[in-house]
Amino acid sequence: MTAAYEIRFLGELPTDWADWFDGTTHLVATNGETILHGTFDQAALHGVLRRLCELNLTLIALQRTASQTATC
């Protein structure tokens, strides 16, 4: 099952890592947070979270959103 998620973390994505998050959109907020939106299955979601950890970015929130929910 895939679902849409909003992931908030402190800091910005380094530009040379942007291709790791292909298929997502992100917005840098004025408070220093970045908001990443994307649709993932569970394996892909874990991969995104692992990449954020590898970049030493602080996870603030992970929320499943109502839009774009689909089943396999």
N, C-alpha and C. Protein backbone atom coordinates (compact mmCIF):
# COMPACT_ATOMS: atom_id res chain seq x y z
N MET A 1 0.84 -1.17 0.00
CA MET A 1 0.00 0.00 0.00
C MET A 1 0.89 1.24 0.00
N THR A 2 0.55 2.19 -0.82
CA THR A 2 1.25 3.47 -0.81
C THR A 2 0.35 4.52 -0.19
N ALA A 3 0.97 5.53 0.37
CA ALA A 3 0.23 6.62 0.99
C ALA A 3 1.06 7.89 0.87
N ALA A 4 0.38 9.01 0.97
CA ALA A 4 1.05 10.30 0.93
C ALA A 4 1.51 10.66 2.34
N TYR A 5 2.71 11.24 2.42
CA TYR A 5 3.28 11.61 3.71
C TYR A 5 3.84 13.02 3.66
N GLU A 6 3.83 13.65 4.83
CA GLU A 6 4.51 14.92 5.04
C GLU A 6 5.59 14.65 6.07
N ILE A 7 6.83 14.97 5.73
CA ILE A 7 7.96 14.75 6.63
C ILE A 7 8.59 16.12 6.90
N ARG A 8 8.68 16.47 8.17
CA ARG A 8 9.29 17.75 8.56
C ARG A 8 10.61 17.47 9.26
N PHE A 9 11.63 18.20 8.87
CA PHE A 9 12.92 18.06 9.52
C PHE A 9 13.60 19.41 9.61
N LEU A 10 14.56 19.50 10.50
CA LEU A 10 15.29 20.73 10.73
C LEU A 10 16.43 20.82 9.73
N GLY A 11 16.55 21.95 9.07
CA GLY A 11 17.62 22.17 8.11
C GLY A 11 17.14 22.03 6.68
N GLU A 12 18.08 22.08 5.75
CA GLU A 12 17.77 21.98 4.33
C GLU A 12 18.49 20.79 3.72
N LEU A 13 17.92 20.26 2.65
CA LEU A 13 18.57 19.19 1.91
C LEU A 13 19.76 19.75 1.16
N PRO A 14 20.92 19.13 1.27
CA PRO A 14 22.05 19.55 0.43
C PRO A 14 21.69 19.36 -1.04
N THR A 15 22.06 20.30 -1.88
CA THR A 15 21.67 20.24 -3.29
C THR A 15 22.20 18.99 -3.99
N ASP A 16 23.37 18.50 -3.59
CA ASP A 16 23.92 17.31 -4.24
C ASP A 16 23.23 16.02 -3.81
N TRP A 17 22.31 16.08 -2.86
CA TRP A 17 21.54 14.92 -2.42
C TRP A 17 20.10 14.98 -2.91
N ALA A 18 19.73 16.01 -3.63
CA ALA A 18 18.34 16.19 -4.05
C ALA A 18 17.83 15.03 -4.90
N ASP A 19 18.70 14.42 -5.71
CA ASP A 19 18.24 13.32 -6.57
C ASP A 19 17.85 12.09 -5.75
N TRP A 20 18.31 11.97 -4.51
CA TRP A 20 17.91 10.87 -3.63
C TRP A 20 16.43 10.97 -3.28
N PHE A 21 15.89 12.16 -3.39
CA PHE A 21 14.50 12.40 -3.01
C PHE A 21 13.65 12.71 -4.23
N ASP A 22 14.04 12.14 -5.37
CA ASP A 22 13.31 12.33 -6.62
C ASP A 22 11.87 11.86 -6.46
N GLY A 23 10.95 12.61 -7.04
CA GLY A 23 9.54 12.25 -6.93
C GLY A 23 8.86 12.89 -5.74
N THR A 24 9.60 13.69 -4.98
CA THR A 24 9.02 14.39 -3.84
C THR A 24 9.08 15.89 -4.10
N THR A 25 8.32 16.62 -3.33
CA THR A 25 8.43 18.07 -3.36
C THR A 25 8.84 18.52 -1.97
N HIS A 26 9.58 19.60 -1.92
CA HIS A 26 9.95 20.10 -0.61
C HIS A 26 9.88 21.62 -0.58
N LEU A 27 9.62 22.11 0.62
CA LEU A 27 9.48 23.53 0.86
C LEU A 27 10.31 23.87 2.08
N VAL A 28 11.13 24.89 1.98
CA VAL A 28 11.92 25.34 3.13
C VAL A 28 11.13 26.45 3.81
N ALA A 29 10.77 26.23 5.06
CA ALA A 29 10.00 27.20 5.83
C ALA A 29 10.93 28.26 6.43
N THR A 30 10.36 29.37 6.82
CA THR A 30 11.16 30.46 7.37
C THR A 30 11.72 30.14 8.75
N ASN A 31 11.20 29.13 9.42
CA ASN A 31 11.70 28.77 10.74
C ASN A 31 12.86 27.78 10.70
N GLY A 32 13.40 27.51 9.50
CA GLY A 32 14.54 26.61 9.37
C GLY A 32 14.16 25.15 9.15
N GLU A 33 12.87 24.87 9.08
CA GLU A 33 12.41 23.51 8.81
C GLU A 33 12.24 23.31 7.31
N THR A 34 12.35 22.07 6.88
CA THR A 34 12.01 21.69 5.51
C THR A 34 10.84 20.73 5.59
N ILE A 35 9.89 20.92 4.69
CA ILE A 35 8.71 20.06 4.63
C ILE A 35 8.79 19.29 3.32
N LEU A 36 8.86 17.98 3.43
CA LEU A 36 8.99 17.09 2.29
C LEU A 36 7.65 16.37 2.09
N HIS A 37 7.12 16.41 0.88
CA HIS A 37 5.86 15.73 0.55
C HIS A 37 6.14 14.66 -0.50
N GLY A 38 5.56 13.49 -0.29
CA GLY A 38 5.72 12.43 -1.28
C GLY A 38 4.79 11.28 -1.00
N THR A 39 4.67 10.40 -1.99
CA THR A 39 3.86 9.19 -1.86
C THR A 39 4.81 8.00 -1.86
N PHE A 40 4.72 7.18 -0.81
CA PHE A 40 5.66 6.09 -0.61
C PHE A 40 4.94 4.84 -0.16
N ASP A 41 5.52 3.68 -0.48
CA ASP A 41 5.12 2.47 0.21
C ASP A 41 6.00 2.40 1.46
N GLN A 42 5.79 1.41 2.29
CA GLN A 42 6.52 1.36 3.57
C GLN A 42 8.03 1.25 3.37
N ALA A 43 8.47 0.46 2.41
CA ALA A 43 9.91 0.30 2.17
C ALA A 43 10.53 1.62 1.72
N ALA A 44 9.86 2.33 0.82
CA ALA A 44 10.39 3.61 0.34
C ALA A 44 10.40 4.65 1.45
N LEU A 45 9.38 4.65 2.30
CA LEU A 45 9.33 5.58 3.43
C LEU A 45 10.51 5.34 4.37
N HIS A 46 10.79 4.09 4.66
CA HIS A 46 11.94 3.77 5.52
C HIS A 46 13.24 4.22 4.86
N GLY A 47 13.33 4.10 3.55
CA GLY A 47 14.51 4.55 2.83
C GLY A 47 14.71 6.05 2.94
N VAL A 48 13.63 6.81 2.81
CA VAL A 48 13.71 8.27 2.94
C VAL A 48 14.15 8.65 4.35
N LEU A 49 13.57 8.02 5.34
CA LEU A 49 13.95 8.32 6.73
C LEU A 49 15.41 7.96 6.99
N ARG A 50 15.87 6.86 6.42
CA ARG A 50 17.27 6.46 6.59
C ARG A 50 18.20 7.50 5.95
N ARG A 51 17.82 8.00 4.78
CA ARG A 51 18.64 9.01 4.11
C ARG A 51 18.70 10.30 4.92
N LEU A 52 17.58 10.69 5.51
CA LEU A 52 17.60 11.89 6.37
C LEU A 52 18.54 11.68 7.54
N CYS A 53 18.53 10.48 8.09
CA CYS A 53 19.44 10.15 9.19
C CYS A 53 20.89 10.21 8.74
N GLU A 54 21.18 9.67 7.55
CA GLU A 54 22.53 9.70 7.01
C GLU A 54 23.03 11.13 6.79
N LEU A 55 22.09 12.04 6.51
CA LEU A 55 22.44 13.45 6.32
C LEU A 55 22.51 14.20 7.65
N ASN A 56 22.26 13.48 8.75
CA ASN A 56 22.30 14.05 10.09
C ASN A 56 21.28 15.19 10.25
N LEU A 57 20.10 15.02 9.62
CA LEU A 57 19.03 16.00 9.73
C LEU A 57 18.08 15.55 10.84
N THR A 58 17.61 16.48 11.63
CA THR A 58 16.75 16.17 12.77
C THR A 58 15.30 16.06 12.33
N LEU A 59 14.71 14.87 12.51
CA LEU A 59 13.31 14.65 12.19
C LEU A 59 12.44 15.36 13.21
N ILE A 60 11.49 16.16 12.73
CA ILE A 60 10.58 16.88 13.61
C ILE A 60 9.22 16.20 13.64
N ALA A 61 8.72 15.82 12.47
CA ALA A 61 7.40 15.19 12.41
C ALA A 61 7.26 14.34 11.15
N LEU A 62 6.49 13.30 11.27
CA LEU A 62 6.11 12.44 10.16
C LEU A 62 4.61 12.25 10.24
N GLN A 63 3.91 12.62 9.18
CA GLN A 63 2.46 12.52 9.20
C GLN A 63 1.95 11.96 7.88
N ARG A 64 1.08 10.99 8.00
CA ARG A 64 0.39 10.46 6.83
C ARG A 64 -0.72 11.44 6.48
N THR A 65 -0.79 11.83 5.23
CA THR A 65 -1.81 12.79 4.82
C THR A 65 -2.93 12.06 4.09
N ALA A 66 -4.06 12.69 4.00
CA ALA A 66 -5.25 12.05 3.43
C ALA A 66 -5.20 11.95 1.92
N SER A 67 -4.43 12.81 1.27
CA SER A 67 -4.44 12.82 -0.19
C SER A 67 -3.57 11.71 -0.77
N GLN A 68 -3.94 11.25 -1.94
CA GLN A 68 -3.18 10.33 -2.76
C GLN A 68 -2.98 8.96 -2.12
N THR A 69 -3.89 8.50 -1.29
CA THR A 69 -3.78 7.16 -0.71
C THR A 69 -4.28 6.15 -1.73
N ALA A 70 -3.50 5.11 -1.95
CA ALA A 70 -3.88 4.08 -2.92
C ALA A 70 -3.49 2.72 -2.40
N THR A 71 -4.08 1.69 -2.95
CA THR A 71 -3.70 0.32 -2.59
C THR A 71 -3.04 -0.34 -3.78
N CYS A 72 -2.23 -1.33 -3.50
CA CYS A 72 -1.54 -2.07 -4.55
C CYS A 72 -2.43 -3.13 -5.14
